[in-house]
N, C-alpha and C. Protein backbone atom coordinates (compact mmCIF):
# COMPACT_ATOMS: atom_id res chain seq x y z
N UNK A 1 0.85 -1.19 0.00
CA UNK A 1 0.00 0.00 0.00
C UNK A 1 0.89 1.25 0.00
N UNK A 2 0.53 2.22 -0.81
CA UNK A 2 1.25 3.47 -0.86
C UNK A 2 0.79 4.37 0.27
N UNK A 3 1.68 5.26 0.71
CA UNK A 3 1.32 6.25 1.70
C UNK A 3 1.57 7.63 1.13
N UNK A 4 0.75 8.58 1.53
CA UNK A 4 1.04 9.97 1.20
C UNK A 4 2.05 10.42 2.24
N UNK A 5 3.20 10.88 1.79
CA UNK A 5 4.27 11.27 2.69
C UNK A 5 4.48 12.77 2.65
N UNK A 6 5.14 13.32 3.65
CA UNK A 6 5.41 14.75 3.64
C UNK A 6 6.43 15.15 2.57
N UNK A 7 7.19 14.21 2.05
CA UNK A 7 8.19 14.52 1.04
C UNK A 7 7.53 14.67 -0.33
N UNK A 8 7.67 15.83 -0.93
CA UNK A 8 7.05 16.04 -2.23
C UNK A 8 7.62 15.11 -3.29
N UNK A 9 8.92 14.89 -3.28
CA UNK A 9 9.52 14.02 -4.29
C UNK A 9 8.92 12.62 -4.22
N UNK A 10 8.75 12.10 -3.02
CA UNK A 10 8.15 10.78 -2.86
C UNK A 10 6.70 10.81 -3.34
N UNK A 11 6.00 11.87 -3.03
CA UNK A 11 4.61 12.02 -3.48
C UNK A 11 4.54 12.03 -4.99
N UNK A 12 5.40 12.80 -5.62
CA UNK A 12 5.38 12.91 -7.08
C UNK A 12 5.65 11.56 -7.73
N UNK A 13 6.65 10.85 -7.27
CA UNK A 13 6.96 9.54 -7.84
C UNK A 13 5.80 8.57 -7.60
N UNK A 14 5.24 8.56 -6.41
CA UNK A 14 4.12 7.65 -6.11
C UNK A 14 2.91 7.99 -6.98
N UNK A 15 2.66 9.28 -7.21
CA UNK A 15 1.56 9.71 -8.05
C UNK A 15 1.78 9.23 -9.50
N UNK A 16 2.97 9.46 -10.02
CA UNK A 16 3.27 9.06 -11.40
C UNK A 16 3.25 7.54 -11.55
N UNK A 17 3.69 6.83 -10.54
CA UNK A 17 3.63 5.36 -10.58
C UNK A 17 2.18 4.88 -10.56
N UNK A 18 1.32 5.56 -9.81
CA UNK A 18 -0.10 5.20 -9.81
C UNK A 18 -0.68 5.38 -11.21
N UNK A 19 -0.27 6.42 -11.91
CA UNK A 19 -0.73 6.63 -13.28
C UNK A 19 -0.16 5.54 -14.18
N UNK A 20 1.14 5.30 -14.09
CA UNK A 20 1.79 4.30 -14.94
C UNK A 20 1.16 2.92 -14.76
N UNK A 21 0.87 2.57 -13.52
CA UNK A 21 0.32 1.25 -13.21
C UNK A 21 -1.21 1.19 -13.26
N UNK A 22 -1.83 2.34 -13.56
CA UNK A 22 -3.29 2.44 -13.62
C UNK A 22 -3.94 2.02 -12.30
N UNK A 23 -3.38 2.50 -11.22
CA UNK A 23 -3.91 2.19 -9.90
C UNK A 23 -4.82 3.34 -9.45
N UNK A 24 -6.10 3.18 -9.75
CA UNK A 24 -7.10 4.22 -9.49
C UNK A 24 -7.16 4.59 -8.01
N UNK A 25 -7.15 3.59 -7.14
CA UNK A 25 -7.27 3.85 -5.71
C UNK A 25 -6.11 4.68 -5.18
N UNK A 26 -4.90 4.36 -5.60
CA UNK A 26 -3.74 5.15 -5.18
C UNK A 26 -3.79 6.53 -5.80
N UNK A 27 -4.14 6.62 -7.07
CA UNK A 27 -4.27 7.90 -7.76
C UNK A 27 -5.19 8.85 -6.98
N UNK A 28 -6.32 8.31 -6.51
CA UNK A 28 -7.29 9.13 -5.77
C UNK A 28 -6.74 9.68 -4.46
N UNK A 29 -5.75 9.00 -3.87
CA UNK A 29 -5.21 9.50 -2.61
C UNK A 29 -4.44 10.81 -2.79
N UNK A 30 -4.10 11.16 -4.03
CA UNK A 30 -3.37 12.39 -4.30
C UNK A 30 -4.30 13.51 -4.80
N UNK A 31 -5.60 13.27 -4.64
CA UNK A 31 -6.60 14.27 -5.00
C UNK A 31 -7.41 14.59 -3.75
N UNK A 32 -7.70 15.85 -3.54
CA UNK A 32 -8.52 16.25 -2.41
C UNK A 32 -9.98 16.29 -2.87
N UNK A 33 -10.81 15.47 -2.23
CA UNK A 33 -12.22 15.37 -2.61
C UNK A 33 -12.85 16.76 -2.66
N UNK A 34 -13.48 17.05 -3.77
CA UNK A 34 -14.16 18.33 -3.93
C UNK A 34 -13.26 19.49 -4.30
N UNK A 35 -11.96 19.24 -4.47
CA UNK A 35 -11.02 20.32 -4.80
C UNK A 35 -11.30 20.88 -6.18
N UNK A 36 -10.97 22.11 -6.38
CA UNK A 36 -11.12 22.75 -7.69
C UNK A 36 -9.89 22.44 -8.55
N UNK A 37 -9.79 21.20 -8.97
CA UNK A 37 -8.68 20.79 -9.83
C UNK A 37 -8.92 21.35 -11.23
N UNK A 38 -7.86 21.86 -11.84
CA UNK A 38 -7.94 22.32 -13.22
C UNK A 38 -7.04 21.43 -14.06
N UNK A 39 -7.59 20.95 -15.17
CA UNK A 39 -6.82 20.11 -16.09
C UNK A 39 -6.92 20.70 -17.49
N UNK A 40 -5.76 20.93 -18.10
CA UNK A 40 -5.70 21.34 -19.49
C UNK A 40 -5.12 20.13 -20.22
N UNK A 41 -5.96 19.49 -21.03
CA UNK A 41 -5.59 18.23 -21.66
C UNK A 41 -5.00 18.46 -23.05
N UNK A 42 -4.42 17.43 -23.66
CA UNK A 42 -3.74 17.61 -24.95
C UNK A 42 -4.61 18.20 -26.05
N UNK A 43 -5.93 18.03 -25.95
CA UNK A 43 -6.81 18.60 -26.97
C UNK A 43 -7.05 20.09 -26.76
N UNK A 44 -6.46 20.66 -25.70
CA UNK A 44 -6.60 22.08 -25.41
C UNK A 44 -7.81 22.44 -24.58
N UNK A 45 -8.66 21.47 -24.28
CA UNK A 45 -9.85 21.75 -23.47
C UNK A 45 -9.47 21.87 -22.00
N UNK A 46 -10.14 22.80 -21.32
CA UNK A 46 -9.92 23.04 -19.90
C UNK A 46 -11.07 22.42 -19.12
N UNK A 47 -10.73 21.61 -18.14
CA UNK A 47 -11.73 20.95 -17.28
C UNK A 47 -11.49 21.43 -15.86
N UNK A 48 -12.53 21.93 -15.22
CA UNK A 48 -12.39 22.47 -13.87
C UNK A 48 -13.30 21.71 -12.92
N UNK A 49 -12.76 21.38 -11.77
CA UNK A 49 -13.53 20.72 -10.72
C UNK A 49 -13.15 19.27 -10.55
N UNK A 50 -13.33 18.79 -9.36
CA UNK A 50 -12.95 17.43 -8.98
C UNK A 50 -13.64 16.38 -9.85
N UNK A 51 -14.96 16.43 -9.94
CA UNK A 51 -15.71 15.42 -10.71
C UNK A 51 -15.39 15.49 -12.19
N UNK A 52 -15.24 16.69 -12.72
CA UNK A 52 -14.87 16.83 -14.14
C UNK A 52 -13.49 16.23 -14.39
N UNK A 53 -12.56 16.46 -13.48
CA UNK A 53 -11.23 15.90 -13.64
C UNK A 53 -11.28 14.37 -13.61
N UNK A 54 -12.02 13.81 -12.66
CA UNK A 54 -12.14 12.35 -12.59
C UNK A 54 -12.71 11.78 -13.89
N UNK A 55 -13.69 12.46 -14.44
CA UNK A 55 -14.30 11.99 -15.69
C UNK A 55 -13.29 11.96 -16.84
N UNK A 56 -12.34 12.88 -16.83
CA UNK A 56 -11.33 12.89 -17.90
C UNK A 56 -10.30 11.78 -17.72
N UNK A 57 -10.13 11.31 -16.51
CA UNK A 57 -9.09 10.33 -16.21
C UNK A 57 -9.56 8.87 -16.23
N UNK A 58 -10.84 8.66 -15.95
CA UNK A 58 -11.37 7.29 -15.85
C UNK A 58 -11.12 6.44 -17.09
N UNK A 59 -11.32 6.94 -18.29
CA UNK A 59 -11.07 6.07 -19.47
C UNK A 59 -9.65 5.51 -19.51
N UNK A 60 -8.67 6.31 -19.17
CA UNK A 60 -7.29 5.83 -19.16
C UNK A 60 -7.12 4.73 -18.11
N UNK A 61 -7.62 4.97 -16.91
CA UNK A 61 -7.45 4.00 -15.83
C UNK A 61 -8.24 2.71 -16.06
N UNK A 62 -9.34 2.79 -16.80
CA UNK A 62 -10.14 1.60 -17.08
C UNK A 62 -9.56 0.80 -18.25
N UNK A 63 -8.76 1.44 -19.07
CA UNK A 63 -8.15 0.76 -20.21
C UNK A 63 -7.03 -0.16 -19.72
N UNK A 64 -6.81 -1.22 -20.44
CA UNK A 64 -5.72 -2.13 -20.09
C UNK A 64 -4.65 -2.15 -21.17
N UNK A 65 -4.75 -1.24 -22.14
CA UNK A 65 -3.73 -1.16 -23.17
C UNK A 65 -2.91 0.10 -22.96
N UNK A 66 -1.85 0.19 -23.67
CA UNK A 66 -1.04 1.40 -23.64
C UNK A 66 0.07 1.34 -22.61
N UNK A 67 1.12 2.07 -22.90
CA UNK A 67 2.30 2.12 -22.05
C UNK A 67 2.62 3.57 -21.76
N UNK A 68 2.67 3.91 -20.48
CA UNK A 68 2.96 5.26 -19.99
C UNK A 68 4.33 5.22 -19.33
N UNK A 69 5.28 5.98 -19.86
CA UNK A 69 6.58 6.10 -19.23
C UNK A 69 6.88 7.58 -19.02
N UNK A 70 7.72 7.86 -18.04
CA UNK A 70 7.98 9.26 -17.70
C UNK A 70 9.39 9.45 -17.20
N UNK A 71 9.84 10.69 -17.30
CA UNK A 71 11.09 11.12 -16.70
C UNK A 71 10.81 12.49 -16.09
N UNK A 72 11.03 12.61 -14.80
CA UNK A 72 10.80 13.89 -14.14
C UNK A 72 11.86 14.87 -14.62
N UNK A 73 11.40 15.98 -15.13
CA UNK A 73 12.31 16.99 -15.68
C UNK A 73 12.76 17.95 -14.60
N UNK A 74 11.83 18.40 -13.77
CA UNK A 74 12.16 19.36 -12.72
C UNK A 74 11.07 19.40 -11.67
N UNK A 75 11.43 19.93 -10.52
CA UNK A 75 10.42 20.22 -9.51
C UNK A 75 10.91 21.39 -8.67
N UNK A 76 9.96 22.19 -8.25
CA UNK A 76 10.24 23.34 -7.40
C UNK A 76 9.25 23.23 -6.25
N UNK A 77 9.77 23.19 -5.03
CA UNK A 77 8.92 22.96 -3.87
C UNK A 77 8.97 24.15 -2.94
N UNK A 78 7.78 24.70 -2.66
CA UNK A 78 7.65 25.75 -1.67
C UNK A 78 7.03 25.19 -0.41
N UNK A 79 6.71 26.04 0.51
CA UNK A 79 6.13 25.57 1.76
C UNK A 79 4.68 25.13 1.60
N UNK A 80 3.95 25.71 0.63
CA UNK A 80 2.53 25.40 0.44
C UNK A 80 2.19 24.84 -0.93
N UNK A 81 3.03 25.13 -1.94
CA UNK A 81 2.75 24.74 -3.31
C UNK A 81 4.02 24.18 -3.94
N UNK A 82 3.85 23.18 -4.80
CA UNK A 82 4.98 22.60 -5.52
C UNK A 82 4.61 22.44 -6.99
N UNK A 83 5.60 22.64 -7.84
CA UNK A 83 5.44 22.47 -9.27
C UNK A 83 6.39 21.37 -9.71
N UNK A 84 5.94 20.57 -10.65
CA UNK A 84 6.81 19.56 -11.25
C UNK A 84 6.48 19.45 -12.73
N UNK A 85 7.46 19.01 -13.49
CA UNK A 85 7.26 18.78 -14.92
C UNK A 85 7.89 17.45 -15.28
N UNK A 86 7.26 16.76 -16.21
CA UNK A 86 7.76 15.46 -16.65
C UNK A 86 7.66 15.34 -18.16
N UNK A 87 8.65 14.67 -18.72
CA UNK A 87 8.58 14.26 -20.11
C UNK A 87 7.90 12.89 -20.10
N UNK A 88 6.86 12.74 -20.89
CA UNK A 88 6.06 11.51 -20.88
C UNK A 88 5.97 10.96 -22.28
N UNK A 89 6.02 9.65 -22.38
CA UNK A 89 5.75 8.97 -23.64
C UNK A 89 4.57 8.05 -23.40
N UNK A 90 3.59 8.13 -24.29
CA UNK A 90 2.42 7.27 -24.20
C UNK A 90 2.25 6.54 -25.52
N UNK A 91 2.30 5.22 -25.47
CA UNK A 91 2.11 4.39 -26.66
C UNK A 91 0.86 3.55 -26.47
N UNK A 92 0.05 3.46 -27.52
CA UNK A 92 -1.18 2.68 -27.44
C UNK A 92 -1.63 2.32 -28.84
N UNK A 93 -2.79 1.74 -28.92
CA UNK A 93 -3.38 1.32 -30.18
C UNK A 93 -4.81 1.86 -30.24
N UNK A 94 -5.14 2.48 -31.38
CA UNK A 94 -6.50 2.99 -31.57
C UNK A 94 -7.46 1.83 -31.83
N UNK A 95 -8.74 2.11 -31.81
CA UNK A 95 -9.76 1.08 -32.06
C UNK A 95 -9.60 0.43 -33.42
N UNK A 96 -9.07 1.19 -34.40
CA UNK A 96 -8.87 0.65 -35.75
C UNK A 96 -7.59 -0.18 -35.88
N UNK A 97 -6.87 -0.37 -34.76
CA UNK A 97 -5.66 -1.17 -34.76
C UNK A 97 -4.38 -0.39 -35.03
N UNK A 98 -4.49 0.88 -35.37
CA UNK A 98 -3.31 1.71 -35.64
C UNK A 98 -2.58 2.04 -34.34
N UNK A 99 -1.30 1.68 -34.26
CA UNK A 99 -0.50 2.00 -33.08
C UNK A 99 0.04 3.41 -33.20
N UNK A 100 0.19 4.06 -32.04
CA UNK A 100 0.70 5.43 -32.04
C UNK A 100 1.55 5.68 -30.81
N UNK A 101 2.33 6.75 -30.90
CA UNK A 101 3.15 7.21 -29.78
C UNK A 101 2.99 8.72 -29.66
N UNK A 102 2.73 9.17 -28.46
CA UNK A 102 2.70 10.60 -28.16
C UNK A 102 3.84 10.91 -27.21
N UNK A 103 4.55 11.97 -27.48
CA UNK A 103 5.52 12.51 -26.54
C UNK A 103 4.91 13.79 -25.98
N UNK A 104 4.86 13.85 -24.66
CA UNK A 104 4.19 14.95 -23.99
C UNK A 104 5.10 15.61 -22.95
N UNK A 105 4.80 16.84 -22.67
CA UNK A 105 5.37 17.57 -21.54
C UNK A 105 4.19 17.82 -20.63
N UNK A 106 4.29 17.37 -19.39
CA UNK A 106 3.17 17.55 -18.46
C UNK A 106 3.65 18.33 -17.24
N UNK A 107 2.93 19.40 -16.93
CA UNK A 107 3.20 20.19 -15.74
C UNK A 107 2.16 19.89 -14.67
N UNK A 108 2.62 19.79 -13.44
CA UNK A 108 1.76 19.48 -12.30
C UNK A 108 1.93 20.53 -11.22
N UNK A 109 0.84 20.92 -10.59
CA UNK A 109 0.91 21.78 -9.41
C UNK A 109 0.21 21.04 -8.29
N UNK A 110 0.90 20.92 -7.17
CA UNK A 110 0.35 20.29 -5.98
C UNK A 110 0.29 21.33 -4.87
N UNK A 111 -0.71 21.19 -4.01
CA UNK A 111 -0.86 22.06 -2.85
C UNK A 111 -0.74 21.22 -1.59
N UNK A 112 -0.05 21.77 -0.61
CA UNK A 112 0.14 21.05 0.65
C UNK A 112 -1.04 21.32 1.57
N UNK A 113 -1.52 20.26 2.19
CA UNK A 113 -2.57 20.36 3.20
C UNK A 113 -2.16 19.44 4.35
N UNK A 114 -1.88 20.02 5.50
CA UNK A 114 -1.32 19.22 6.59
C UNK A 114 0.05 18.74 6.18
N UNK A 115 0.28 17.44 6.22
CA UNK A 115 1.55 16.86 5.80
C UNK A 115 1.47 16.21 4.42
N UNK A 116 0.36 16.40 3.72
CA UNK A 116 0.14 15.73 2.43
C UNK A 116 0.08 16.73 1.29
N UNK A 117 0.41 16.24 0.10
CA UNK A 117 0.37 17.02 -1.13
C UNK A 117 -0.76 16.51 -2.01
N UNK A 118 -1.54 17.45 -2.58
CA UNK A 118 -2.67 17.09 -3.43
C UNK A 118 -2.58 17.84 -4.75
N UNK A 119 -2.87 17.14 -5.84
CA UNK A 119 -2.86 17.74 -7.17
C UNK A 119 -3.97 18.79 -7.29
N UNK A 120 -3.60 19.97 -7.80
CA UNK A 120 -4.62 21.00 -8.03
C UNK A 120 -4.64 21.48 -9.48
N UNK A 121 -3.57 21.16 -10.25
CA UNK A 121 -3.52 21.61 -11.64
C UNK A 121 -2.62 20.65 -12.43
N UNK A 122 -3.05 20.35 -13.64
CA UNK A 122 -2.24 19.54 -14.55
C UNK A 122 -2.43 20.11 -15.95
N UNK A 123 -1.33 20.21 -16.69
CA UNK A 123 -1.41 20.68 -18.06
C UNK A 123 -0.56 19.80 -18.95
N UNK A 124 -1.21 19.17 -19.93
CA UNK A 124 -0.55 18.26 -20.88
C UNK A 124 -0.34 18.98 -22.20
N UNK A 125 0.87 18.94 -22.68
CA UNK A 125 1.18 19.50 -24.00
C UNK A 125 1.81 18.42 -24.86
N UNK A 126 1.26 18.21 -26.04
CA UNK A 126 1.83 17.23 -26.96
C UNK A 126 3.02 17.86 -27.67
N UNK A 127 4.15 17.19 -27.59
CA UNK A 127 5.36 17.65 -28.28
C UNK A 127 5.50 16.99 -29.63
N UNK A 128 5.02 15.72 -29.72
CA UNK A 128 5.18 14.96 -30.96
C UNK A 128 4.15 13.83 -31.00
N UNK A 129 3.58 13.61 -32.19
CA UNK A 129 2.68 12.49 -32.43
C UNK A 129 3.29 11.64 -33.52
N UNK A 130 3.31 10.31 -33.30
CA UNK A 130 3.85 9.41 -34.31
C UNK A 130 2.90 8.23 -34.50
N UNK A 131 2.78 7.79 -35.72
CA UNK A 131 2.11 6.52 -36.01
C UNK A 131 3.20 5.46 -36.03
N UNK A 132 2.90 4.31 -35.47
CA UNK A 132 3.90 3.22 -35.40
C UNK A 132 3.59 2.12 -36.38
């Protein structure tokens, strides 16, 4: 079982591992219920609010295909807010069988509450799209 720790670096890695492994229950531990999470997704659409954010994420977590890999590029940690950025590669197959790879840059903002860090903002930018 994962724990939310006071260390932001540990939180960030545990959060990204929950995404990589599609562990919905662990992923939820890094979200504050009812928080005004803002997500800017690769299609450019902005989604605001806890429930709206969950709705954007459920299809990925329910899917059993695709490979999500990441490399943390940077993080800046303050006493109340932390920013992190990661280079991400996502490979999957469309319904028509066409395989693809996306290279993304994802920025994350977490807010500290007590001794825990919770995601409040995520912005995905596609750097490259490839058909495989």
